[in-house]
Amino acid sequence: TSQVELPPDVGPEFDVYVNGVLKKRGVDFEVVGRSIVFRAQLAQEGRL
């Protein structure tokens, strides 16, 4: 799976977009502590 750490100033209500597409909590991702854990693996291009 993939995850991102929430910035410290983000409260309990927020929207998540992946590549500009709105994702739904409980369907596409879960919030675990201060992390968003996605059900699908997200890709990063990495170094060239």
All heavy atoms as atom14 arrays in JSON, in Angstrom:
{
  "sequence": "TSQVELPPDVGPEFDVYVNGVLKKRGVDFEVVGRSIVFRAQLAQEGRL",
  "atom14_mask": [
    [1, 1, 1, 1, 1, 1, 1, 0, 0, 0, 0, 0, 0, 0],
    [1, 1, 1, 1, 1, 1, 0, 0, 0, 0, 0, 0, 0, 0],
    [1, 1, 1, 1, 1, 1, 1, 1, 1, 0, 0, 0, 0, 0],
    [1, 1, 1, 1, 1, 1, 1, 0, 0, 0, 0, 0, 0, 0],
    [1, 1, 1, 1, 1, 1, 1, 1, 1, 0, 0, 0, 0, 0],
    [1, 1, 1, 1, 1, 1, 1, 1, 0, 0, 0, 0, 0, 0],
    [1, 1, 1, 1, 1, 1, 1, 0, 0, 0, 0, 0, 0, 0],
    [1, 1, 1, 1, 1, 1, 1, 0, 0, 0, 0, 0, 0, 0],
    [1, 1, 1, 1, 1, 1, 1, 1, 0, 0, 0, 0, 0, 0],
    [1, 1, 1, 1, 1, 1, 1, 0, 0, 0, 0, 0, 0, 0],
    [1, 1, 1, 1, 0, 0, 0, 0, 0, 0, 0, 0, 0, 0],
    [1, 1, 1, 1, 1, 1, 1, 0, 0, 0, 0, 0, 0, 0],
    [1, 1, 1, 1, 1, 1, 1, 1, 1, 0, 0, 0, 0, 0],
    [1, 1, 1, 1, 1, 1, 1, 1, 1, 1, 1, 0, 0, 0],
    [1, 1, 1, 1, 1, 1, 1, 1, 0, 0, 0, 0, 0, 0],
    [1, 1, 1, 1, 1, 1, 1, 0, 0, 0, 0, 0, 0, 0],
    [1, 1, 1, 1, 1, 1, 1, 1, 1, 1, 1, 1, 0, 0],
    [1, 1, 1, 1, 1, 1, 1, 0, 0, 0, 0, 0, 0, 0],
    [1, 1, 1, 1, 1, 1, 1, 1, 0, 0, 0, 0, 0, 0],
    [1, 1, 1, 1, 0, 0, 0, 0, 0, 0, 0, 0, 0, 0],
    [1, 1, 1, 1, 1, 1, 1, 0, 0, 0, 0, 0, 0, 0],
    [1, 1, 1, 1, 1, 1, 1, 1, 0, 0, 0, 0, 0, 0],
    [1, 1, 1, 1, 1, 1, 1, 1, 1, 0, 0, 0, 0, 0],
    [1, 1, 1, 1, 1, 1, 1, 1, 1, 0, 0, 0, 0, 0],
    [1, 1, 1, 1, 1, 1, 1, 1, 1, 1, 1, 0, 0, 0],
    [1, 1, 1, 1, 0, 0, 0, 0, 0, 0, 0, 0, 0, 0],
    [1, 1, 1, 1, 1, 1, 1, 0, 0, 0, 0, 0, 0, 0],
    [1, 1, 1, 1, 1, 1, 1, 1, 0, 0, 0, 0, 0, 0],
    [1, 1, 1, 1, 1, 1, 1, 1, 1, 1, 1, 0, 0, 0],
    [1, 1, 1, 1, 1, 1, 1, 1, 1, 0, 0, 0, 0, 0],
    [1, 1, 1, 1, 1, 1, 1, 0, 0, 0, 0, 0, 0, 0],
    [1, 1, 1, 1, 1, 1, 1, 0, 0, 0, 0, 0, 0, 0],
    [1, 1, 1, 1, 0, 0, 0, 0, 0, 0, 0, 0, 0, 0],
    [1, 1, 1, 1, 1, 1, 1, 1, 1, 1, 1, 0, 0, 0],
    [1, 1, 1, 1, 1, 1, 0, 0, 0, 0, 0, 0, 0, 0],
    [1, 1, 1, 1, 1, 1, 1, 1, 0, 0, 0, 0, 0, 0],
    [1, 1, 1, 1, 1, 1, 1, 0, 0, 0, 0, 0, 0, 0],
    [1, 1, 1, 1, 1, 1, 1, 1, 1, 1, 1, 0, 0, 0],
    [1, 1, 1, 1, 1, 1, 1, 1, 1, 1, 1, 0, 0, 0],
    [1, 1, 1, 1, 1, 0, 0, 0, 0, 0, 0, 0, 0, 0],
    [1, 1, 1, 1, 1, 1, 1, 1, 1, 0, 0, 0, 0, 0],
    [1, 1, 1, 1, 1, 1, 1, 1, 0, 0, 0, 0, 0, 0],
    [1, 1, 1, 1, 1, 0, 0, 0, 0, 0, 0, 0, 0, 0],
    [1, 1, 1, 1, 1, 1, 1, 1, 1, 0, 0, 0, 0, 0],
    [1, 1, 1, 1, 1, 1, 1, 1, 1, 0, 0, 0, 0, 0],
    [1, 1, 1, 1, 0, 0, 0, 0, 0, 0, 0, 0, 0, 0],
    [1, 1, 1, 1, 1, 1, 1, 1, 1, 1, 1, 0, 0, 0],
    [1, 1, 1, 1, 1, 1, 1, 1, 0, 0, 0, 0, 0, 0]
  ],
  "atom14_positions": [
    [[0.86, -1.18, 0.0], [0.0, 0.0, 0.0], [0.89, 1.22, 0.0], [2.1, 1.12, 0.13], [-0.91, 0.03, 1.24], [-0.08, 0.03, 2.4], [-1.84, -1.16, 1.28], [0.0, 0.0, 0.0], [0.0, 0.0, 0.0], [0.0, 0.0, 0.0], [0.0, 0.0, 0.0], [0.0, 0.0, 0.0], [0.0, 0.0, 0.0], [0.0, 0.0, 0.0]],
    [[0.29, 2.38, -0.16], [1.03, 3.63, -0.11], [0.45, 4.49, 1.0], [-0.71, 4.34, 1.38], [0.89, 4.38, -1.44], [1.49, 3.63, -2.47], [0.0, 0.0, 0.0], [0.0, 0.0, 0.0], [0.0, 0.0, 0.0], [0.0, 0.0, 0.0], [0.0, 0.0, 0.0], [0.0, 0.0, 0.0], [0.0, 0.0, 0.0], [0.0, 0.0, 0.0]],
    [[1.27, 5.41, 1.51], [0.78, 6.3, 2.55], [1.43, 7.66, 2.42], [2.46, 7.8, 1.78], [1.06, 5.73, 3.94], [2.5, 5.78, 4.37], [2.67, 5.27, 5.78], [1.95, 4.38, 6.2], [3.6, 5.84, 6.52], [0.0, 0.0, 0.0], [0.0, 0.0, 0.0], [0.0, 0.0, 0.0], [0.0, 0.0, 0.0], [0.0, 0.0, 0.0]],
    [[0.77, 8.65, 3.01], [1.32, 10.0, 3.13], [1.1, 10.46, 4.57], [0.13, 10.06, 5.21], [0.69, 11.02, 2.14], [1.01, 10.67, 0.71], [-0.81, 11.13, 2.33], [0.0, 0.0, 0.0], [0.0, 0.0, 0.0], [0.0, 0.0, 0.0], [0.0, 0.0, 0.0], [0.0, 0.0, 0.0], [0.0, 0.0, 0.0], [0.0, 0.0, 0.0]],
    [[2.01, 11.26, 5.06], [1.9, 11.84, 6.39], [1.19, 13.18, 6.28], [1.55, 14.0, 5.43], [3.28, 12.02, 7.01], [4.04, 10.73, 7.23], [3.34, 9.77, 8.17], [2.81, 10.24, 9.21], [3.32, 8.57, 7.87], [0.0, 0.0, 0.0], [0.0, 0.0, 0.0], [0.0, 0.0, 0.0], [0.0, 0.0, 0.0], [0.0, 0.0, 0.0]],
    [[0.21, 13.41, 7.13], [-0.52, 14.67, 7.11], [0.33, 15.79, 7.73], [1.01, 15.56, 8.73], [-1.82, 14.54, 7.91], [-2.91, 13.73, 7.25], [-4.03, 13.46, 8.24], [-3.44, 14.44, 6.03], [0.0, 0.0, 0.0], [0.0, 0.0, 0.0], [0.0, 0.0, 0.0], [0.0, 0.0, 0.0], [0.0, 0.0, 0.0], [0.0, 0.0, 0.0]],
    [[0.29, 16.98, 7.15], [0.97, 18.12, 7.77], [0.36, 18.4, 9.14], [-0.81, 18.08, 9.39], [0.69, 19.28, 6.8], [0.37, 18.63, 5.51], [-0.29, 17.33, 5.85], [0.0, 0.0, 0.0], [0.0, 0.0, 0.0], [0.0, 0.0, 0.0], [0.0, 0.0, 0.0], [0.0, 0.0, 0.0], [0.0, 0.0, 0.0], [0.0, 0.0, 0.0]],
    [[1.12, 19.01, 10.06], [0.63, 19.22, 11.43], [-0.6, 20.11, 11.54], [-1.37, 19.98, 12.48], [1.82, 19.85, 12.15], [2.89, 20.05, 11.16], [2.48, 19.43, 9.88], [0.0, 0.0, 0.0], [0.0, 0.0, 0.0], [0.0, 0.0, 0.0], [0.0, 0.0, 0.0], [0.0, 0.0, 0.0], [0.0, 0.0, 0.0], [0.0, 0.0, 0.0]],
    [[-0.82, 21.03, 10.58], [-1.96, 21.95, 10.69], [-3.24, 21.44, 10.06], [-4.24, 22.14, 10.03], [-1.59, 23.33, 10.13], [-1.16, 23.28, 8.68], [-0.8, 22.18, 8.19], [-1.17, 24.33, 8.03], [0.0, 0.0, 0.0], [0.0, 0.0, 0.0], [0.0, 0.0, 0.0], [0.0, 0.0, 0.0], [0.0, 0.0, 0.0], [0.0, 0.0, 0.0]],
    [[-3.24, 20.2, 9.57], [-4.46, 19.62, 8.98], [-5.34, 19.09, 10.11], [-4.89, 18.31, 10.95], [-4.12, 18.48, 7.99], [-5.38, 17.79, 7.5], [-3.32, 19.02, 6.82], [0.0, 0.0, 0.0], [0.0, 0.0, 0.0], [0.0, 0.0, 0.0], [0.0, 0.0, 0.0], [0.0, 0.0, 0.0], [0.0, 0.0, 0.0], [0.0, 0.0, 0.0]],
    [[-6.59, 19.53, 10.12], [-7.55, 19.09, 11.12], [-8.21, 17.78, 10.73], [-7.8, 17.12, 9.77], [0.0, 0.0, 0.0], [0.0, 0.0, 0.0], [0.0, 0.0, 0.0], [0.0, 0.0, 0.0], [0.0, 0.0, 0.0], [0.0, 0.0, 0.0], [0.0, 0.0, 0.0], [0.0, 0.0, 0.0], [0.0, 0.0, 0.0], [0.0, 0.0, 0.0]],
    [[-9.3, 17.41, 11.42], [-9.96, 16.14, 11.14], [-10.74, 16.12, 9.82], [-11.02, 15.05, 9.28], [-10.89, 15.95, 12.33], [-11.12, 17.33, 12.86], [-9.89, 18.12, 12.55], [0.0, 0.0, 0.0], [0.0, 0.0, 0.0], [0.0, 0.0, 0.0], [0.0, 0.0, 0.0], [0.0, 0.0, 0.0], [0.0, 0.0, 0.0], [0.0, 0.0, 0.0]],
    [[-11.1, 17.28, 9.3], [-11.87, 17.34, 8.04], [-10.97, 17.81, 6.91], [-10.4, 18.9, 6.97], [-13.06, 18.29, 8.19], [-14.08, 17.83, 9.21], [-14.71, 16.49, 8.85], [-15.02, 16.28, 7.66], [-14.88, 15.67, 9.77], [0.0, 0.0, 0.0], [0.0, 0.0, 0.0], [0.0, 0.0, 0.0], [0.0, 0.0, 0.0], [0.0, 0.0, 0.0]],
    [[-10.87, 16.99, 5.87], [-10.06, 17.35, 4.71], [-10.49, 16.48, 3.53], [-11.14, 15.45, 3.7], [-8.57, 17.16, 4.99], [-8.21, 15.78, 5.49], [-7.96, 14.75, 4.61], [-8.14, 15.54, 6.85], [-7.64, 13.49, 5.07], [-7.82, 14.28, 7.33], [-7.57, 13.25, 6.43], [0.0, 0.0, 0.0], [0.0, 0.0, 0.0], [0.0, 0.0, 0.0]],
    [[-10.15, 16.91, 2.34], [-10.41, 16.16, 1.11], [-9.08, 15.67, 0.56], [-8.06, 16.34, 0.67], [-11.1, 17.03, 0.06], [-12.51, 17.42, 0.46], [-13.21, 16.59, 1.07], [-12.91, 18.56, 0.14], [0.0, 0.0, 0.0], [0.0, 0.0, 0.0], [0.0, 0.0, 0.0], [0.0, 0.0, 0.0], [0.0, 0.0, 0.0], [0.0, 0.0, 0.0]],
    [[-9.11, 14.48, -0.05], [-7.91, 13.88, -0.62], [-8.13, 13.7, -2.12], [-9.14, 13.14, -2.54], [-7.61, 12.51, 0.03], [-6.42, 11.85, -0.63], [-7.38, 12.68, 1.52], [0.0, 0.0, 0.0], [0.0, 0.0, 0.0], [0.0, 0.0, 0.0], [0.0, 0.0, 0.0], [0.0, 0.0, 0.0], [0.0, 0.0, 0.0], [0.0, 0.0, 0.0]],
    [[-7.18, 14.19, -2.91], [-7.21, 14.04, -4.36], [-5.94, 13.31, -4.8], [-4.84, 13.62, -4.35], [-7.24, 15.41, -5.05], [-8.51, 16.17, -4.81], [-8.69, 16.94, -3.68], [-9.55, 16.1, -5.74], [-9.86, 17.63, -3.45], [-10.73, 16.8, -5.53], [-10.88, 17.56, -4.38], [-12.05, 18.25, -4.17], [0.0, 0.0, 0.0], [0.0, 0.0, 0.0]],
    [[-6.11, 12.32, -5.66], [-4.98, 11.64, -6.28], [-5.07, 11.91, -7.77], [-6.07, 11.57, -8.41], [-4.97, 10.12, -6.0], [-3.85, 9.43, -6.75], [-4.85, 9.86, -4.5], [0.0, 0.0, 0.0], [0.0, 0.0, 0.0], [0.0, 0.0, 0.0], [0.0, 0.0, 0.0], [0.0, 0.0, 0.0], [0.0, 0.0, 0.0], [0.0, 0.0, 0.0]],
    [[-4.06, 12.56, -8.3], [-4.04, 12.96, -9.71], [-5.28, 13.77, -10.08], [-5.84, 13.64, -11.16], [-3.91, 11.75, -10.63], [-2.64, 10.98, -10.38], [-1.62, 11.55, -10.0], [-2.68, 9.68, -10.58], [0.0, 0.0, 0.0], [0.0, 0.0, 0.0], [0.0, 0.0, 0.0], [0.0, 0.0, 0.0], [0.0, 0.0, 0.0], [0.0, 0.0, 0.0]],
    [[-5.74, 14.6, -9.13], [-6.88, 15.48, -9.39], [-8.24, 14.83, -9.2], [-9.27, 15.48, -9.41], [0.0, 0.0, 0.0], [0.0, 0.0, 0.0], [0.0, 0.0, 0.0], [0.0, 0.0, 0.0], [0.0, 0.0, 0.0], [0.0, 0.0, 0.0], [0.0, 0.0, 0.0], [0.0, 0.0, 0.0], [0.0, 0.0, 0.0], [0.0, 0.0, 0.0]],
    [[-8.28, 13.57, -8.79], [-9.55, 12.85, -8.62], [-9.83, 12.7, -7.12], [-8.99, 12.2, -6.37], [-9.5, 11.46, -9.28], [-10.79, 10.69, -9.05], [-9.21, 11.59, -10.77], [0.0, 0.0, 0.0], [0.0, 0.0, 0.0], [0.0, 0.0, 0.0], [0.0, 0.0, 0.0], [0.0, 0.0, 0.0], [0.0, 0.0, 0.0], [0.0, 0.0, 0.0]],
    [[-11.01, 13.15, -6.69], [-11.4, 13.07, -5.29], [-11.5, 11.61, -4.86], [-12.13, 10.79, -5.54], [-12.74, 13.77, -5.08], [-13.29, 13.78, -3.65], [-12.36, 14.54, -2.71], [-14.68, 14.39, -3.64], [0.0, 0.0, 0.0], [0.0, 0.0, 0.0], [0.0, 0.0, 0.0], [0.0, 0.0, 0.0], [0.0, 0.0, 0.0], [0.0, 0.0, 0.0]],
    [[-10.89, 11.29, -3.72], [-10.94, 9.93, -3.16], [-11.8, 9.94, -1.91], [-11.95, 10.95, -1.25], [-9.52, 9.43, -2.83], [-8.63, 9.35, -4.04], [-9.19, 8.37, -5.05], [-8.35, 8.3, -6.3], [-8.89, 7.38, -7.28], [0.0, 0.0, 0.0], [0.0, 0.0, 0.0], [0.0, 0.0, 0.0], [0.0, 0.0, 0.0], [0.0, 0.0, 0.0]],
    [[-12.37, 8.77, -1.58], [-13.3, 8.66, -0.45], [-12.68, 7.87, 0.7], [-12.12, 6.8, 0.48], [-14.59, 7.98, -0.89], [-15.38, 8.79, -1.88], [-16.7, 8.11, -2.18], [-17.42, 8.85, -3.26], [-18.48, 9.68, -2.79], [0.0, 0.0, 0.0], [0.0, 0.0, 0.0], [0.0, 0.0, 0.0], [0.0, 0.0, 0.0], [0.0, 0.0, 0.0]],
    [[-12.83, 8.46, 1.9], [-12.37, 7.78, 3.12], [-13.19, 6.52, 3.32], [-14.4, 6.52, 3.15], [-12.53, 8.71, 4.31], [-11.94, 8.14, 5.58], [-12.18, 9.03, 6.77], [-11.56, 10.33, 6.58], [-11.14, 11.1, 7.57], [-11.28, 10.71, 8.82], [-10.6, 12.27, 7.32], [0.0, 0.0, 0.0], [0.0, 0.0, 0.0], [0.0, 0.0, 0.0]],
    [[-12.55, 5.43, 3.66], [-13.24, 4.16, 3.86], [-13.37, 3.34, 2.6], [-13.6, 2.14, 2.67], [0.0, 0.0, 0.0], [0.0, 0.0, 0.0], [0.0, 0.0, 0.0], [0.0, 0.0, 0.0], [0.0, 0.0, 0.0], [0.0, 0.0, 0.0], [0.0, 0.0, 0.0], [0.0, 0.0, 0.0], [0.0, 0.0, 0.0], [0.0, 0.0, 0.0]],
    [[-13.25, 3.97, 1.45], [-13.31, 3.27, 0.17], [-11.93, 3.22, -0.47], [-11.42, 2.13, -0.79], [-14.31, 3.95, -0.81], [-14.3, 3.28, -2.16], [-15.7, 3.97, -0.21], [0.0, 0.0, 0.0], [0.0, 0.0, 0.0], [0.0, 0.0, 0.0], [0.0, 0.0, 0.0], [0.0, 0.0, 0.0], [0.0, 0.0, 0.0], [0.0, 0.0, 0.0]],
    [[-11.3, 4.38, -0.63], [-10.0, 4.47, -1.28], [-8.84, 4.56, -0.29], [-7.71, 4.22, -0.63], [-9.95, 5.7, -2.2], [-11.03, 5.66, -3.26], [-11.12, 4.63, -3.96], [-11.8, 6.63, -3.37], [0.0, 0.0, 0.0], [0.0, 0.0, 0.0], [0.0, 0.0, 0.0], [0.0, 0.0, 0.0], [0.0, 0.0, 0.0], [0.0, 0.0, 0.0]],
    [[-9.11, 5.06, 0.91], [-8.05, 5.23, 1.9], [-8.61, 5.19, 3.31], [-9.82, 5.32, 3.51], [-7.3, 6.55, 1.68], [-8.12, 7.78, 1.98], [-8.13, 8.35, 3.25], [-8.88, 8.38, 0.99], [-8.88, 9.49, 3.52], [-9.63, 9.52, 1.25], [-9.64, 10.07, 2.52], [0.0, 0.0, 0.0], [0.0, 0.0, 0.0], [0.0, 0.0, 0.0]],
    [[-7.74, 4.99, 4.27], [-8.06, 5.05, 5.69], [-7.11, 6.04, 6.35], [-6.0, 6.25, 5.87], [-7.87, 3.68, 6.35], [-8.76, 2.59, 5.83], [-10.23, 2.79, 6.17], [-10.53, 3.48, 7.17], [-11.07, 2.28, 5.43], [0.0, 0.0, 0.0], [0.0, 0.0, 0.0], [0.0, 0.0, 0.0], [0.0, 0.0, 0.0], [0.0, 0.0, 0.0]],
    [[-7.54, 6.64, 7.44], [-6.67, 7.5, 8.23], [-6.24, 6.71, 9.45], [-7.06, 6.22, 10.21], [-7.4, 8.8, 8.63], [-6.5, 9.67, 9.5], [-7.85, 9.56, 7.4], [0.0, 0.0, 0.0], [0.0, 0.0, 0.0], [0.0, 0.0, 0.0], [0.0, 0.0, 0.0], [0.0, 0.0, 0.0], [0.0, 0.0, 0.0], [0.0, 0.0, 0.0]],
    [[-4.91, 6.58, 9.6], [-4.33, 5.86, 10.73], [-3.39, 6.83, 11.44], [-2.32, 7.14, 10.93], [-3.56, 4.6, 10.26], [-2.95, 3.89, 11.44], [-4.48, 3.69, 9.45], [0.0, 0.0, 0.0], [0.0, 0.0, 0.0], [0.0, 0.0, 0.0], [0.0, 0.0, 0.0], [0.0, 0.0, 0.0], [0.0, 0.0, 0.0], [0.0, 0.0, 0.0]],
    [[-3.82, 7.33, 12.57], [-3.03, 8.35, 13.28], [-2.95, 9.61, 12.43], [-3.97, 10.19, 12.07], [0.0, 0.0, 0.0], [0.0, 0.0, 0.0], [0.0, 0.0, 0.0], [0.0, 0.0, 0.0], [0.0, 0.0, 0.0], [0.0, 0.0, 0.0], [0.0, 0.0, 0.0], [0.0, 0.0, 0.0], [0.0, 0.0, 0.0], [0.0, 0.0, 0.0]],
    [[-1.75, 10.02, 12.08], [-1.52, 11.19, 11.23], [-1.13, 10.78, 9.81], [-0.54, 11.56, 9.07], [-0.43, 12.08, 11.81], [-0.77, 12.69, 13.15], [-1.88, 13.7, 13.12], [-1.57, 14.83, 12.26], [-2.47, 15.69, 11.81], [-3.73, 15.56, 12.15], [-2.13, 16.68, 11.03], [0.0, 0.0, 0.0], [0.0, 0.0, 0.0], [0.0, 0.0, 0.0]],
    [[-1.46, 9.55, 9.43], [-1.13, 9.04, 8.09], [-2.4, 8.7, 7.32], [-3.38, 8.25, 7.9], [-0.28, 7.78, 8.18], [0.94, 8.05, 8.8], [0.0, 0.0, 0.0], [0.0, 0.0, 0.0], [0.0, 0.0, 0.0], [0.0, 0.0, 0.0], [0.0, 0.0, 0.0], [0.0, 0.0, 0.0], [0.0, 0.0, 0.0], [0.0, 0.0, 0.0]],
    [[-2.33, 8.9, 6.03], [-3.38, 8.43, 5.12], [-2.82, 7.2, 4.44], [-1.75, 7.26, 3.82], [-3.74, 9.49, 4.06], [-4.3, 10.73, 4.74], [-4.72, 8.92, 3.05], [-4.54, 11.87, 3.78], [0.0, 0.0, 0.0], [0.0, 0.0, 0.0], [0.0, 0.0, 0.0], [0.0, 0.0, 0.0], [0.0, 0.0, 0.0], [0.0, 0.0, 0.0]],
    [[-3.51, 6.07, 4.58], [-3.06, 4.81, 3.98], [-4.01, 4.47, 2.85], [-5.21, 4.3, 3.05], [-3.03, 3.67, 5.03], [-2.57, 2.38, 4.38], [-2.13, 4.05, 6.2], [0.0, 0.0, 0.0], [0.0, 0.0, 0.0], [0.0, 0.0, 0.0], [0.0, 0.0, 0.0], [0.0, 0.0, 0.0], [0.0, 0.0, 0.0], [0.0, 0.0, 0.0]],
    [[-3.46, 4.39, 1.63], [-4.25, 4.1, 0.45], [-4.34, 2.6, 0.24], [-3.38, 1.87, 0.49], [-3.61, 4.75, -0.79], [-3.66, 6.24, -0.75], [-2.61, 6.98, -0.22], [-4.76, 6.93, -1.22], [-2.65, 8.35, -0.17], [-4.82, 8.31, -1.17], [-3.76, 9.02, -0.64], [0.0, 0.0, 0.0], [0.0, 0.0, 0.0], [0.0, 0.0, 0.0]],
    [[-5.47, 2.16, -0.26], [-5.66, 0.73, -0.53], [-4.88, 0.3, -1.76], [-4.45, -0.84, -1.85], [-7.14, 0.42, -0.7], [-7.93, 0.67, 0.57], [-9.4, 0.41, 0.38], [-10.14, 0.88, 1.52], [-10.58, 0.09, 2.48], [-10.36, -1.18, 2.43], [-11.24, 0.61, 3.49], [0.0, 0.0, 0.0], [0.0, 0.0, 0.0], [0.0, 0.0, 0.0]],
    [[-4.7, 1.21, -2.7], [-3.93, 0.91, -3.91], [-2.53, 1.48, -3.77], [-2.3, 2.46, -3.07], [-4.62, 1.53, -5.13], [0.0, 0.0, 0.0], [0.0, 0.0, 0.0], [0.0, 0.0, 0.0], [0.0, 0.0, 0.0], [0.0, 0.0, 0.0], [0.0, 0.0, 0.0], [0.0, 0.0, 0.0], [0.0, 0.0, 0.0], [0.0, 0.0, 0.0]],
    [[-1.59, 0.85, -4.45], [-0.22, 1.34, -4.42], [-0.09, 2.5, -5.41], [-0.48, 2.4, -6.56], [0.74, 0.23, -4.81], [2.18, 0.64, -4.68], [3.11, -0.52, -4.94], [2.7, -1.66, -5.06], [4.38, -0.23, -5.06], [0.0, 0.0, 0.0], [0.0, 0.0, 0.0], [0.0, 0.0, 0.0], [0.0, 0.0, 0.0], [0.0, 0.0, 0.0]],
    [[0.45, 3.63, -4.94], [0.68, 4.79, -5.78], [2.1, 4.73, -6.3], [3.0, 4.24, -5.62], [0.44, 6.07, -5.0], [-0.95, 6.21, -4.36], [-1.04, 7.52, -3.58], [-2.03, 6.15, -5.41], [0.0, 0.0, 0.0], [0.0, 0.0, 0.0], [0.0, 0.0, 0.0], [0.0, 0.0, 0.0], [0.0, 0.0, 0.0], [0.0, 0.0, 0.0]],
    [[2.32, 5.27, -7.5], [3.63, 5.17, -8.13], [4.37, 6.5, -8.09], [3.76, 7.57, -8.2], [3.48, 4.72, -9.58], [0.0, 0.0, 0.0], [0.0, 0.0, 0.0], [0.0, 0.0, 0.0], [0.0, 0.0, 0.0], [0.0, 0.0, 0.0], [0.0, 0.0, 0.0], [0.0, 0.0, 0.0], [0.0, 0.0, 0.0], [0.0, 0.0, 0.0]],
    [[5.67, 6.42, -7.93], [6.55, 7.57, -8.02], [7.57, 7.3, -9.09], [8.12, 6.2, -9.16], [7.26, 7.82, -6.68], [6.33, 8.31, -5.6], [5.76, 9.67, -5.95], [6.45, 10.65, -6.0], [4.47, 9.7, -6.22], [0.0, 0.0, 0.0], [0.0, 0.0, 0.0], [0.0, 0.0, 0.0], [0.0, 0.0, 0.0], [0.0, 0.0, 0.0]],
    [[7.83, 8.29, -9.92], [8.75, 8.09, -11.04], [10.17, 7.8, -10.57], [10.88, 7.02, -11.17], [8.74, 9.31, -11.95], [9.59, 9.11, -13.18], [9.46, 10.25, -14.15], [9.24, 11.38, -13.74], [9.6, 9.98, -15.34], [0.0, 0.0, 0.0], [0.0, 0.0, 0.0], [0.0, 0.0, 0.0], [0.0, 0.0, 0.0], [0.0, 0.0, 0.0]],
    [[10.59, 8.41, -9.5], [11.95, 8.17, -9.01], [12.97, 9.01, -9.76], [12.63, 9.87, -10.57], [0.0, 0.0, 0.0], [0.0, 0.0, 0.0], [0.0, 0.0, 0.0], [0.0, 0.0, 0.0], [0.0, 0.0, 0.0], [0.0, 0.0, 0.0], [0.0, 0.0, 0.0], [0.0, 0.0, 0.0], [0.0, 0.0, 0.0], [0.0, 0.0, 0.0]],
    [[14.21, 8.76, -9.46], [15.29, 9.52, -10.08], [15.51, 9.09, -11.52], [15.36, 7.92, -11.86], [16.58, 9.33, -9.29], [16.52, 9.93, -7.92], [17.82, 9.72, -7.2], [18.94, 10.16, -8.0], [19.71, 11.19, -7.72], [19.48, 11.89, -6.64], [20.72, 11.51, -8.49], [0.0, 0.0, 0.0], [0.0, 0.0, 0.0], [0.0, 0.0, 0.0]],
    [[15.88, 10.05, -12.36], [16.19, 9.74, -13.75], [17.65, 9.34, -13.86], [18.52, 9.99, -13.29], [15.94, 10.97, -14.64], [14.51, 11.47, -14.72], [14.46, 12.73, -15.57], [13.61, 10.41, -15.3], [0.0, 0.0, 0.0], [0.0, 0.0, 0.0], [0.0, 0.0, 0.0], [0.0, 0.0, 0.0], [0.0, 0.0, 0.0], [0.0, 0.0, 0.0]]
  ]
}
